[in-house]
Protein backbone atom coordinates (compact mmCIF):
# COMPACT_ATOMS: atom_id res chain seq x y z
CA UNK A 1 -16.95 -10.84 16.94
CA UNK A 2 -16.22 -11.22 13.20
CA UNK A 3 -19.12 -10.77 10.75
CA UNK A 4 -19.52 -12.57 7.48
CA UNK A 5 -19.31 -10.53 4.29
CA UNK A 6 -22.45 -10.76 2.11
CA UNK A 7 -21.55 -12.08 -1.32
CA UNK A 8 -24.30 -10.21 -3.13
CA UNK A 9 -26.25 -11.48 -6.14
CA UNK A 10 -23.62 -10.55 -8.74
CA UNK A 11 -20.78 -12.15 -6.85
CA UNK A 12 -22.75 -15.33 -6.08
CA UNK A 13 -23.75 -15.67 -9.73
CA UNK A 14 -20.09 -15.31 -10.84
CA UNK A 15 -19.01 -18.00 -8.30
CA UNK A 16 -21.65 -20.36 -9.66
CA UNK A 17 -20.36 -19.76 -13.21
CA UNK A 18 -16.77 -20.23 -12.04
CA UNK A 19 -17.57 -23.64 -10.56
CA UNK A 20 -19.33 -24.97 -13.68
CA UNK A 21 -16.16 -25.75 -15.62
CA UNK A 22 -15.71 -29.40 -14.95
CA UNK A 23 -12.53 -28.41 -13.07
CA UNK A 24 -12.57 -28.38 -9.25
CA UNK A 25 -13.12 -24.76 -8.12
CA UNK A 26 -11.08 -25.16 -4.93
CA UNK A 27 -9.11 -28.42 -5.40
CA UNK A 28 -11.20 -29.97 -3.87
CA UNK A 29 -13.82 -27.84 -2.09
CA UNK A 30 -13.85 -28.33 1.65
CA UNK A 31 -10.95 -30.72 1.78
CA UNK A 32 -7.90 -29.66 3.77
CA UNK A 33 -6.08 -32.73 2.37
CA UNK A 34 -6.48 -31.54 -1.25
CA UNK A 35 -3.63 -29.03 -1.08
CA UNK A 36 0.15 -29.57 -0.76
CA UNK A 37 1.52 -29.20 2.74
CA UNK A 38 2.71 -25.69 3.73
CA UNK A 39 6.44 -25.66 4.37
CA UNK A 40 6.60 -23.55 7.58
CA UNK A 41 10.35 -24.05 7.89
CA UNK A 42 10.92 -22.51 4.48
CA UNK A 43 8.75 -19.46 5.28
CA UNK A 44 10.65 -18.90 8.52
CA UNK A 45 14.00 -19.19 6.75
CA UNK A 46 12.91 -16.76 4.00
CA UNK A 47 11.74 -14.21 6.55
CA UNK A 48 14.81 -14.58 8.80
CA UNK A 49 17.17 -13.98 5.92
CA UNK A 50 15.31 -11.07 4.26
CA UNK A 51 14.98 -9.31 7.61
CA UNK A 52 18.57 -9.81 8.71
CA UNK A 53 20.92 -6.87 9.45
CA UNK A 54 23.05 -8.12 6.58
CA UNK A 55 20.49 -6.76 4.14
CA UNK A 56 20.45 -3.35 5.85
CA UNK A 57 16.74 -2.68 5.45
CA UNK A 58 16.52 -3.60 1.73
CA UNK A 59 16.22 -0.02 0.42
CA UNK A 60 16.18 0.30 -3.39
CA UNK A 61 19.54 1.00 -4.95
CA UNK A 62 21.51 -0.43 -2.00
CA UNK A 63 23.58 -3.57 -1.65
CA UNK A 64 20.98 -4.97 0.75
CA UNK A 65 18.16 -4.29 -1.69
CA UNK A 66 20.09 -5.99 -4.49
CA UNK A 67 20.90 -8.98 -2.24
CA UNK A 68 17.16 -9.36 -1.47
CA UNK A 69 16.29 -9.25 -5.21
CA UNK A 70 18.92 -11.79 -6.11
CA UNK A 71 17.78 -14.09 -3.27
CA UNK A 72 14.17 -13.97 -4.40
CA UNK A 73 15.21 -14.66 -8.00
CA UNK A 74 17.26 -17.65 -6.89
CA UNK A 75 14.24 -19.02 -4.97
CA UNK A 76 12.00 -18.60 -8.03
CA UNK A 77 14.55 -20.44 -10.14
CA UNK A 78 14.91 -23.21 -7.59
CA UNK A 79 11.13 -23.74 -7.78
CA UNK A 80 11.39 -24.28 -11.50
CA UNK A 81 9.49 -21.07 -12.39
CA UNK A 82 10.25 -19.27 -15.65
CA UNK A 83 11.86 -15.84 -15.62
CA UNK A 84 9.12 -13.42 -16.68
CA UNK A 85 11.26 -10.37 -17.39
CA UNK A 86 12.94 -9.20 -20.61
CA UNK A 87 14.89 -12.00 -22.25
CA UNK A 88 13.27 -14.41 -19.79
CA UNK A 89 15.28 -13.02 -16.92
CA UNK A 90 13.88 -12.85 -13.39
CA UNK A 91 14.17 -9.04 -13.31
CA UNK A 92 12.00 -6.22 -14.68
CA UNK A 93 14.24 -3.11 -14.64
CA UNK A 94 12.83 -0.08 -12.84
CA UNK A 95 14.66 3.27 -13.19
CA UNK A 96 14.39 5.34 -10.01
CA UNK A 97 15.71 8.67 -8.70
CA UNK A 98 16.78 8.62 -5.07
CA UNK A 99 16.79 11.77 -2.95
CA UNK A 100 17.94 12.05 0.65
CA UNK A 101 16.40 15.29 1.88
CA UNK A 102 17.26 17.94 4.42
CA UNK A 103 14.93 20.90 4.65
CA UNK A 104 14.41 24.26 6.33
CA UNK A 105 10.98 25.85 6.75
CA UNK A 106 10.23 29.36 8.08
CA UNK A 107 6.83 30.92 8.07
CA UNK A 108 4.94 33.73 9.69
CA UNK A 109 2.55 36.63 9.37
CA UNK A 110 3.19 40.36 9.43
CA UNK A 111 6.94 39.91 9.41
CA UNK A 112 6.92 37.71 12.54
CA UNK A 113 8.82 34.66 11.17
CA UNK A 114 9.26 31.34 13.02
CA UNK A 115 11.71 28.67 11.93
CA UNK A 116 10.60 25.05 12.40
CA UNK A 117 12.77 22.12 13.42
CA UNK A 118 13.25 19.51 10.68
CA UNK A 119 12.10 16.12 11.97
CA UNK A 120 10.48 17.43 15.15
CA UNK A 121 8.10 20.02 13.74
CA UNK A 122 7.97 19.17 10.06
CA UNK A 123 9.38 16.96 7.32
CA UNK A 124 9.65 17.96 3.68
CA UNK A 125 11.04 16.58 0.42
CA UNK A 126 11.47 17.68 -3.14
CA UNK A 127 8.84 16.58 -5.64
CA UNK A 128 11.32 17.15 -8.48
CA UNK A 129 14.72 15.43 -8.88
CA UNK A 130 16.89 18.41 -8.00
CA UNK A 131 19.73 18.83 -5.53
CA UNK A 132 18.35 22.13 -4.27
CA UNK A 133 14.83 23.47 -4.29
CA UNK A 134 14.04 26.98 -2.96
CA UNK A 135 10.45 28.03 -2.89
CA UNK A 136 8.16 30.42 -1.11
CA UNK A 137 4.52 31.36 -1.29
CA UNK A 138 1.46 32.57 0.56
CA UNK A 139 -0.15 29.82 2.67
CA UNK A 140 -3.77 28.98 1.84
CA UNK A 141 -5.76 26.61 3.97
CA UNK A 142 -7.73 24.30 1.65
CA UNK A 143 -9.54 22.10 4.18
CA UNK A 144 -9.19 18.42 3.18
CA UNK A 145 -7.91 19.42 -0.27
CA UNK A 146 -10.59 17.29 -1.96
CA UNK A 147 -12.44 17.73 -5.23
CA UNK A 148 -14.84 14.79 -5.63
CA UNK A 149 -17.74 15.24 -8.00
CA UNK A 150 -19.39 11.96 -7.06
CA UNK A 151 -19.57 13.13 -3.44
CA UNK A 152 -20.69 16.64 -4.39
CA UNK A 153 -17.59 18.00 -2.63
CA UNK A 154 -15.15 20.69 -3.77
CA UNK A 155 -12.76 22.31 -1.34
CA UNK A 156 -11.19 24.46 -4.05
CA UNK A 157 -14.21 26.32 -5.50
CA UNK A 158 -12.17 27.19 -8.64
CA UNK A 159 -10.04 29.66 -6.73
CA UNK A 160 -6.67 30.39 -8.40
CA UNK A 161 -4.02 28.72 -6.27
CA UNK A 162 -1.07 28.93 -8.67
CA UNK A 163 2.15 29.64 -6.77
CA UNK A 164 0.54 29.11 -3.33
CA UNK A 165 1.58 26.79 -0.51
CA UNK A 166 -1.44 24.69 0.36
CA UNK A 167 -2.06 23.73 4.01
CA UNK A 168 -4.45 20.79 4.22
CA UNK A 169 -5.94 18.29 6.57
CA UNK A 170 -5.18 14.55 6.33
CA UNK A 171 -8.01 12.02 5.79
CA UNK A 172 -11.39 12.98 4.25
CA UNK A 173 -14.56 14.62 5.57
CA UNK A 174 -16.07 11.26 6.57
CA UNK A 175 -13.59 11.06 9.46
CA UNK A 176 -15.97 13.03 11.71
CA UNK A 177 -19.21 12.99 9.69
CA UNK A 178 -20.54 9.53 8.94
CA UNK A 179 -23.11 10.98 6.51
CA UNK A 180 -20.50 12.00 3.92
CA UNK A 181 -18.05 10.00 1.86
CA UNK A 182 -17.71 6.50 3.41
CA UNK A 183 -17.81 7.65 7.01
CA UNK A 184 -14.72 6.49 8.86
CA UNK A 185 -13.78 4.12 6.02
CA UNK A 186 -11.11 6.18 4.24
CA UNK A 187 -11.57 6.85 0.51
CA UNK A 188 -8.74 7.53 -1.90
CA UNK A 189 -9.48 11.24 -1.47
CA UNK A 190 -8.20 10.96 2.10
CA UNK A 191 -4.78 9.60 1.07
CA UNK A 192 -1.82 12.00 1.07
CA UNK A 193 -0.91 10.74 -2.43
CA UNK A 194 -4.19 12.04 -3.86
CA UNK A 195 -3.86 15.35 -2.01
CA UNK A 196 -0.44 16.04 -3.49
CA UNK A 197 -1.62 15.00 -6.95
CA UNK A 198 -4.55 17.41 -6.70
CA UNK A 199 -2.45 20.26 -5.32
CA UNK A 200 -0.08 19.85 -8.32
CA UNK A 201 -3.03 19.91 -10.76
CA UNK A 202 -4.06 23.24 -9.16
CA UNK A 203 -0.65 24.73 -9.84
CA UNK A 204 0.45 25.03 -6.22
CA UNK A 205 4.15 25.41 -5.50
CA UNK A 206 3.95 23.15 -2.51
CA UNK A 207 1.69 21.37 -0.01
CA UNK A 208 1.91 20.79 3.74
CA UNK A 209 -0.19 18.09 5.42
CA UNK A 210 -1.29 18.72 9.00
CA UNK A 211 -0.60 15.62 11.08
CA UNK A 212 -2.68 14.25 13.89
CA UNK A 213 -2.47 10.64 15.01
CA UNK A 214 -6.22 10.20 14.52
CA UNK A 215 -6.37 11.55 10.99
CA UNK A 216 -3.15 9.88 9.78
CA UNK A 217 -3.89 6.67 11.78
CA UNK A 218 -0.23 6.58 12.92
CA UNK A 219 1.91 8.70 15.21
CA UNK A 220 4.39 11.42 14.26
CA UNK A 221 7.25 9.02 14.81
CA UNK A 222 6.13 7.10 11.73
CA UNK A 223 6.05 10.29 9.64
CA UNK A 224 9.54 11.25 10.83
CA UNK A 225 11.09 7.86 10.19
CA UNK A 226 9.33 7.48 6.80
CA UNK A 227 10.28 10.86 5.34
CA UNK A 228 13.79 11.52 6.68
CA UNK A 229 15.31 8.56 4.87
CA UNK A 230 16.05 8.45 1.13
CA UNK A 231 12.97 9.03 -1.01
CA UNK A 232 12.43 7.68 -4.54
CA UNK A 233 10.46 8.56 -7.60
CA UNK A 234 10.17 6.95 -10.98
CA UNK A 235 12.69 8.30 -13.49
CA UNK A 236 10.93 10.38 -16.12
CA UNK A 237 7.62 10.60 -14.19
CA UNK A 238 5.03 12.58 -16.14
CA UNK A 239 2.27 14.95 -15.18
CA UNK A 240 2.10 18.14 -13.08
CA UNK A 241 4.38 18.21 -10.04
CA UNK A 242 4.80 20.38 -6.98
CA UNK A 243 8.17 21.82 -6.12
CA UNK A 244 8.03 20.36 -2.58
CA UNK A 245 5.70 18.57 -0.19
CA UNK A 246 5.80 17.87 3.46
CA UNK A 247 4.05 17.18 6.79
CA UNK A 248 3.77 19.56 9.73
CA UNK A 249 2.65 18.72 13.28
CA UNK A 250 -0.70 20.04 14.37
CA UNK A 251 1.04 21.91 17.17
CA UNK A 252 3.38 23.79 14.80
CA UNK A 253 0.54 24.54 12.36
CA UNK A 254 -1.72 25.66 15.17
CA UNK A 255 0.89 28.07 16.61
CA UNK A 256 1.58 29.66 13.22
CA UNK A 257 -2.14 30.13 12.50
CA UNK A 258 -2.65 31.61 15.97
CA UNK A 259 0.01 34.24 15.23
CA UNK A 260 -2.02 35.10 12.13
CA UNK A 261 -5.19 35.45 14.15
CA UNK A 262 -6.69 32.10 13.12
CA UNK A 263 -7.58 28.95 14.98
CA UNK A 264 -6.77 25.51 13.58
CA UNK A 265 -9.64 23.83 15.38
CA UNK A 266 -12.09 26.36 13.99
CA UNK A 267 -10.72 25.98 10.51
CA UNK A 268 -10.90 22.20 10.81
CA UNK A 269 -14.56 22.52 11.84
CA UNK A 270 -15.61 24.65 8.90
CA UNK A 271 -13.68 22.32 6.59
CA UNK A 272 -16.34 19.72 7.39
CA UNK A 273 -18.91 21.70 5.37
CA UNK A 274 -19.62 21.46 1.66
CA UNK A 275 -19.72 25.26 1.40
CA UNK A 276 -16.12 25.52 2.68
CA UNK A 277 -13.94 27.89 0.69
CA UNK A 278 -10.14 28.20 0.76
CA UNK A 279 -8.87 30.57 3.48
CA UNK A 280 -5.96 32.92 2.83
CA UNK A 281 -4.11 32.59 6.16
CA UNK A 282 -1.87 35.65 5.92
CA UNK A 283 1.10 33.37 6.49
CA UNK A 284 4.01 33.29 4.09
CA UNK A 285 6.25 30.24 3.97
CA UNK A 286 9.81 29.93 2.68
CA UNK A 287 11.35 26.48 2.27
CA UNK A 288 14.65 25.09 1.13
CA UNK A 289 15.08 21.36 0.36
CA UNK A 290 18.60 20.13 -0.23
CA UNK A 291 18.92 16.57 -1.45
CA UNK A 292 21.56 14.10 -2.34
CA UNK A 293 20.29 12.97 -5.76
CA UNK A 294 21.28 9.75 -7.45
CA UNK A 295 19.99 7.63 -10.31
CA UNK A 296 19.15 4.13 -9.17
CA UNK A 297 18.76 0.95 -11.20
CA UNK A 298 16.29 -1.22 -9.32
CA UNK A 299 14.10 -4.14 -10.37
CA UNK A 300 10.86 -5.98 -9.75
CA UNK A 301 11.67 -9.69 -9.39
CA UNK A 302 9.27 -11.62 -11.70
CA UNK A 303 8.58 -15.28 -12.39
CA UNK A 304 5.91 -17.26 -14.23
CA UNK A 305 4.31 -20.63 -13.63
CA UNK A 306 2.96 -21.56 -17.13
CA UNK A 307 -0.64 -22.63 -17.40
CA UNK A 308 -1.47 -26.11 -18.59
CA UNK A 309 -4.38 -25.22 -20.93
CA UNK A 310 -3.17 -23.69 -24.22
CA UNK A 311 -6.52 -21.90 -24.68
CA UNK A 312 -6.08 -19.76 -21.55
CA UNK A 313 -2.36 -20.11 -20.66
CA UNK A 314 -1.74 -16.58 -21.98
CA UNK A 315 -3.92 -15.30 -19.11
CA UNK A 316 -2.59 -15.11 -15.59
CA UNK A 317 -3.42 -14.82 -11.92
CA UNK A 318 -0.96 -12.33 -10.48
CA UNK A 319 0.63 -12.32 -7.02
CA UNK A 320 2.43 -9.30 -5.52
CA UNK A 321 4.57 -8.72 -2.45
CA UNK A 322 7.01 -5.86 -2.00
CA UNK A 323 10.54 -6.72 -0.90
CA UNK A 324 11.83 -3.24 -0.16
CA UNK A 325 11.88 -1.47 3.19
CA UNK A 326 13.32 1.75 4.61
CA UNK A 327 17.02 0.91 4.67
CA UNK A 328 19.24 2.73 7.14
CA UNK A 329 17.87 5.78 8.86
CA UNK A 330 17.92 7.78 12.05
CA UNK A 331 18.86 5.63 15.05
CA UNK A 332 16.16 4.65 17.54
CA UNK A 333 17.62 3.43 20.80
CA UNK A 334 20.93 2.87 19.01
CA UNK A 335 19.50 0.85 16.10
CA UNK A 336 19.56 2.45 12.64
CA UNK A 337 18.56 -0.56 10.45
CA UNK A 338 14.93 -0.58 9.49
CA UNK A 339 14.72 -4.36 8.91
CA UNK A 340 11.13 -4.62 7.78
CA UNK A 341 10.56 -8.10 9.08
CA UNK A 342 6.76 -8.01 9.10
CA UNK A 343 6.73 -5.18 6.51
CA UNK A 344 7.31 -7.00 4.20
CA UNK A 345 9.77 -9.84 4.48
CA UNK A 346 6.75 -11.75 5.79
CA UNK A 347 4.75 -11.12 2.62
CA UNK A 348 7.60 -12.23 0.37
CA UNK A 349 8.05 -15.39 2.45
CA UNK A 350 4.31 -16.09 2.06
CA UNK A 351 4.42 -15.45 -1.72
CA UNK A 352 7.40 -17.75 -2.20
CA UNK A 353 5.60 -20.54 -0.33
CA UNK A 354 2.43 -19.87 -2.35
CA UNK A 355 4.46 -20.24 -5.53
CA UNK A 356 5.99 -23.50 -4.22
CA UNK A 357 2.53 -24.92 -3.43
CA UNK A 358 1.06 -23.94 -6.82
CA UNK A 359 3.91 -25.76 -8.58
CA UNK A 360 2.80 -28.93 -6.68
CA UNK A 361 -1.00 -28.61 -7.16
CA UNK A 362 -2.57 -31.37 -9.22
CA UNK A 363 -4.09 -31.07 -11.70
CA UNK A 364 -1.91 -28.09 -12.66
CA UNK A 365 -3.43 -24.63 -13.10
CA UNK A 366 -5.13 -24.00 -16.45
CA UNK A 367 -4.15 -20.33 -16.47
CA UNK A 368 -0.63 -19.15 -15.67
CA UNK A 369 0.43 -17.59 -12.39
CA UNK A 370 2.76 -14.56 -12.32
CA UNK A 371 4.72 -13.65 -9.19
CA UNK A 372 5.92 -10.09 -8.74
CA UNK A 373 8.22 -9.07 -5.88
CA UNK A 374 8.01 -5.30 -6.18
CA UNK A 375 10.55 -2.63 -5.45
CA UNK A 376 10.04 0.84 -3.92
CA UNK A 377 6.57 0.19 -2.47
CA UNK A 378 7.56 2.26 0.56
CA UNK A 379 8.21 5.27 -1.65
CA UNK A 380 4.70 5.38 -3.12
CA UNK A 381 3.97 1.95 -4.73
CA UNK A 382 6.52 2.73 -7.42
CA UNK A 383 7.38 -0.80 -8.49
CA UNK A 384 3.78 -1.77 -8.96
CA UNK A 385 2.97 1.54 -10.64
CA UNK A 386 5.83 0.92 -13.08
CA UNK A 387 4.54 -2.58 -13.69
CA UNK A 388 1.00 -1.30 -14.36
CA UNK A 389 2.43 1.13 -16.92
CA UNK A 390 4.53 -1.56 -18.61
CA UNK A 391 2.98 -4.96 -17.79
CA UNK A 392 4.74 -8.20 -18.64
CA UNK A 393 1.32 -9.76 -19.28
CA UNK A 394 -1.19 -7.44 -20.90
CA UNK A 395 -3.62 -6.06 -18.34
CA UNK A 396 -6.53 -7.37 -20.32
CA UNK A 397 -5.19 -10.92 -19.75
CA UNK A 398 -4.31 -10.34 -16.13
CA UNK A 399 -7.47 -11.78 -14.58
CA UNK A 400 -6.80 -11.10 -10.89
CA UNK A 401 -4.19 -9.88 -8.44
CA UNK A 402 -3.58 -11.25 -4.96
CA UNK A 403 -1.39 -9.07 -2.76
CA UNK A 404 0.49 -10.18 0.40
CA UNK A 405 1.66 -7.33 2.65
CA UNK A 406 2.41 -7.67 6.38
CA UNK A 407 1.24 -11.25 6.87
CA UNK A 408 0.35 -12.95 10.13
CA UNK A 409 3.24 -13.99 12.37
CA UNK A 410 1.22 -14.11 15.63
CA UNK A 411 -0.56 -17.47 15.36
CA UNK A 412 -3.69 -19.15 14.08
CA UNK A 413 -6.96 -17.22 13.85
CA UNK A 414 -10.62 -18.13 13.49
CA UNK A 415 -11.07 -15.36 10.93
CA UNK A 416 -9.36 -13.81 7.97
CA UNK A 417 -9.80 -10.57 5.95
CA UNK A 418 -9.22 -9.24 2.47
CA UNK A 419 -9.20 -5.67 1.29
CA UNK A 420 -11.10 -5.36 -1.97
CA UNK A 421 -13.47 -8.27 -1.42
CA UNK A 422 -16.41 -5.91 -1.56
CA UNK A 423 -15.31 -4.43 -4.87
CA UNK A 424 -15.20 -7.40 -7.19
CA UNK A 425 -16.42 -10.96 -7.65
CA UNK A 426 -13.09 -12.10 -6.16
CA UNK A 427 -14.83 -11.54 -2.83
CA UNK A 428 -17.04 -14.56 -3.43
CA UNK A 429 -14.05 -16.77 -4.30
CA UNK A 430 -12.20 -15.53 -1.26
CA UNK A 431 -15.08 -16.36 1.05
CA UNK A 432 -15.39 -19.87 -0.42
CA UNK A 433 -11.64 -20.40 0.06
CA UNK A 434 -11.80 -19.17 3.66
CA UNK A 435 -14.80 -21.42 4.38
CA UNK A 436 -12.82 -24.37 3.02
CA UNK A 437 -10.20 -23.54 5.69
CA UNK A 438 -12.86 -23.22 8.42
CA UNK A 439 -12.27 -19.47 8.60
CA UNK A 440 -14.86 -16.71 8.94
CA UNK A 441 -14.33 -13.66 6.72
CA UNK A 442 -14.25 -10.55 8.88
CA UNK A 443 -15.11 -7.11 7.57
CA UNK A 444 -14.43 -3.80 9.28
CA UNK A 445 -14.38 -0.18 7.96
CA UNK A 446 -11.04 0.53 6.25
CA UNK A 447 -10.27 3.45 8.53
CA UNK A 448 -6.59 3.56 7.47
CA UNK A 449 -7.34 3.47 3.76
CA UNK A 450 -5.21 0.38 3.50
CA UNK A 451 -6.72 -0.54 0.13
CA UNK A 452 -4.95 2.45 -1.36
CA UNK A 453 -1.61 1.85 0.43
CA UNK A 454 -0.17 -1.31 -1.05
CA UNK A 455 0.82 -2.77 -4.38
CA UNK A 456 -2.56 -4.09 -5.50
CA UNK A 457 -3.81 -0.51 -5.83
CA UNK A 458 -1.98 0.58 -9.05
CA UNK A 459 -3.16 -2.60 -10.74
CA UNK A 460 -6.73 -2.14 -9.50
CA UNK A 461 -6.61 1.45 -10.70
CA UNK A 462 -5.55 0.09 -14.13
CA UNK A 463 -8.54 -2.32 -14.22
CA UNK A 464 -7.29 -5.61 -12.67
CA UNK A 465 -9.63 -7.06 -9.95
CA UNK A 466 -7.53 -7.25 -6.83
CA UNK A 467 -7.46 -8.50 -3.28
CA UNK A 468 -5.01 -7.88 -0.49
CA UNK A 469 -5.14 -10.68 2.09
CA UNK A 470 -4.95 -9.52 5.70
CA UNK A 471 -4.72 -11.38 9.02
CA UNK A 472 -7.79 -11.88 11.14
CA UNK A 473 -8.08 -10.58 14.67
CA UNK A 474 -9.73 -13.48 16.50
CA UNK A 475 -6.70 -15.48 17.61
CA UNK A 476 -6.94 -19.12 18.77
CA UNK A 477 -5.90 -19.46 22.42
CA UNK A 478 -5.90 -15.70 23.03
CA UNK A 479 -8.42 -13.56 24.97
CA UNK A 480 -10.96 -11.46 23.17
CA UNK A 481 -9.41 -8.21 21.90
CA UNK A 482 -5.84 -9.53 21.95
CA UNK A 483 -5.53 -9.34 18.14
CA UNK A 484 -6.65 -5.75 17.96
CA UNK A 485 -4.36 -4.86 20.81
CA UNK A 486 -1.38 -6.40 19.07
CA UNK A 487 -2.25 -4.59 15.85
CA UNK A 488 -2.29 -1.25 17.72
CA UNK A 489 1.07 -2.04 19.36
CA UNK A 490 2.50 -2.87 15.95
CA UNK A 491 1.35 0.44 14.49
CA UNK A 492 2.55 2.45 17.44
CA UNK A 493 5.88 0.76 18.19
CA UNK A 494 7.14 -1.16 15.16
CA UNK A 495 5.59 0.15 11.95
CA UNK A 496 8.46 1.77 9.93
CA UNK A 497 10.74 1.49 12.94
CA UNK A 498 14.03 -0.39 13.49
CA UNK A 499 12.10 -2.56 15.99
CA UNK A 500 10.36 -4.34 13.08
CA UNK A 501 12.86 -7.22 13.39
CA UNK A 502 12.74 -11.01 13.08
CA UNK A 503 11.81 -12.72 16.34
CA UNK A 504 12.15 -16.33 17.31
CA UNK A 505 8.68 -16.05 18.88
CA UNK A 506 7.02 -15.59 15.48
CA UNK A 507 4.22 -18.13 15.04
CA UNK A 508 3.64 -19.12 11.40
CA UNK A 509 0.29 -20.92 11.85
CA UNK A 510 -1.58 -17.77 10.78
CA UNK A 511 0.62 -17.17 7.79
CA UNK A 512 0.03 -20.77 6.78
CA UNK A 513 -3.71 -20.14 6.85
CA UNK A 514 -3.26 -17.09 4.64
CA UNK A 515 -1.15 -19.04 2.16
CA UNK A 516 -3.64 -21.89 1.94
CA UNK A 517 -6.46 -19.38 1.29
CA UNK A 518 -4.39 -17.59 -1.34
CA UNK A 519 -3.64 -20.90 -3.06
CA UNK A 520 -7.29 -21.85 -3.08
CA UNK A 521 -8.28 -18.49 -4.58
CA UNK A 522 -5.60 -18.90 -7.28
CA UNK A 523 -6.78 -22.39 -8.16
CA UNK A 524 -10.42 -21.28 -8.44
CA UNK A 525 -9.62 -18.29 -10.61
CA UNK A 526 -7.07 -20.07 -12.76
CA UNK A 527 -9.39 -22.99 -13.49
CA UNK A 528 -12.73 -21.18 -13.95
CA UNK A 529 -14.39 -20.39 -17.28
CA UNK A 530 -15.46 -16.93 -16.18
CA UNK A 531 -12.93 -14.35 -15.05
CA UNK A 532 -13.33 -12.00 -12.11
CA UNK A 533 -15.15 -8.70 -12.64
CA UNK A 534 -15.63 -5.47 -10.72
CA UNK A 535 -19.02 -5.13 -9.03
CA UNK A 536 -21.30 -2.31 -10.34
CA UNK A 537 -20.72 -0.35 -7.12
CA UNK A 538 -16.91 -0.33 -7.50
CA UNK A 539 -15.01 2.82 -8.34
CA UNK A 540 -12.80 0.68 -10.56
CA UNK A 541 -15.58 -0.17 -13.03
CA UNK A 542 -13.84 2.21 -15.47
CA UNK A 543 -10.00 1.96 -15.35
CA UNK A 544 -8.36 5.24 -14.43
CA UNK A 545 -11.45 6.73 -12.86
CA UNK A 546 -9.51 7.68 -9.78
CA UNK A 547 -7.25 10.41 -11.08
């Protein structure tokens, strides 16, 4: 049963201020007839085309990826939106480096060396844009690899780890101890991106993440399919970097540690304690990563709907949806095209329809709306990170971001969800918008750390209040538990797999609900006097706090 999110005093006060403008907060509140009609046929057509084999998985720097970008730009232009890029084009250039990796890994103790099988036992990639990386080092187990002052947690204890290969657990200590961190709700410290960043700051030569399905929240097949295709990084990326990074199965890590006289389960147990100290395993690892390296010119696709009020038209409500996917990779049952129908042709289709509806809303929005179809999300949120570093509208005038990633193609629901609603006053606006659509806002612990895994996160990290709208789980006409079951099947069988394909059975009633809620949120924020703000409890109160 879905539970309602409490707005809290601060959020409720903001909503009251937002509705005191003389403009309708939700155009009009409670009326389903106050919004333009959702064009379901258009959403289906957008999704079908973007997920077709013709586009070959929409990887950055490929013909299919460029076709997708050109298609989205053409749709923006057809809607009458302005190009928001340089020289009023529909493209914001993003310079990437692509690397297609192959790797070898051998490790052992006391001269007893074992060679692991790439793809089956481990995956690895270069963290620097080089055709060949050769590295070796002593393996040190660093628990969860977390240094979090606000949680009084430090797995490193100031031990010198320069030149070491760090072996670390995925997730954070709250996974098995509800009294620390946020319990089973993953914090950013549990994300592999943070762990690699921290390992680089410590001067490590490399890092290996120990995979379990429970801690990663997805099976090894997802790791293999995600990291054996071409990887990307931003050209000229700054800051400390590892030589290599990778994942290793728990079975392979456990066997190597057993040869060194250690037990992975025992190490994982002591890693749950605040007094944990890094463990020199006695293992030594040698790795070679050979990559096909190429420079790639990619783009975010950007368009602007100008605001109607000259006093606030230079401010904007932002929308984001990534258009890239995994391209062509290892075949699964004879299929090598990773189409990315739900992830995220669906989100782009929803954003295009949102843009269409907002052009037809009357009265028109006071503030502007900016639509960003991002590139290279699947390689680490690179398009949105590049945008945050070089925004087309200054971040101080970017009043909110609404993200659409993996939208609902399974039918109408009685509930709806939004990551980030508990972090800013946008949560109050979202609940009002959902209520106007007769939807209950559901809230569950973010076990997968999804807030940190999509394109709203770099903008939130830079200070822009953000929401990522997610499907509900209580489906109309389906038995209790059906929505959760379908979500688990998606994660296990289609997430980052060639089987994420367009299906004629897709039901767009749920996506229509999400679009209507997104439109209502945009209208409320664009027309209000007050602009959204982070709640005092949010980690984003100070931009850049999360290193």
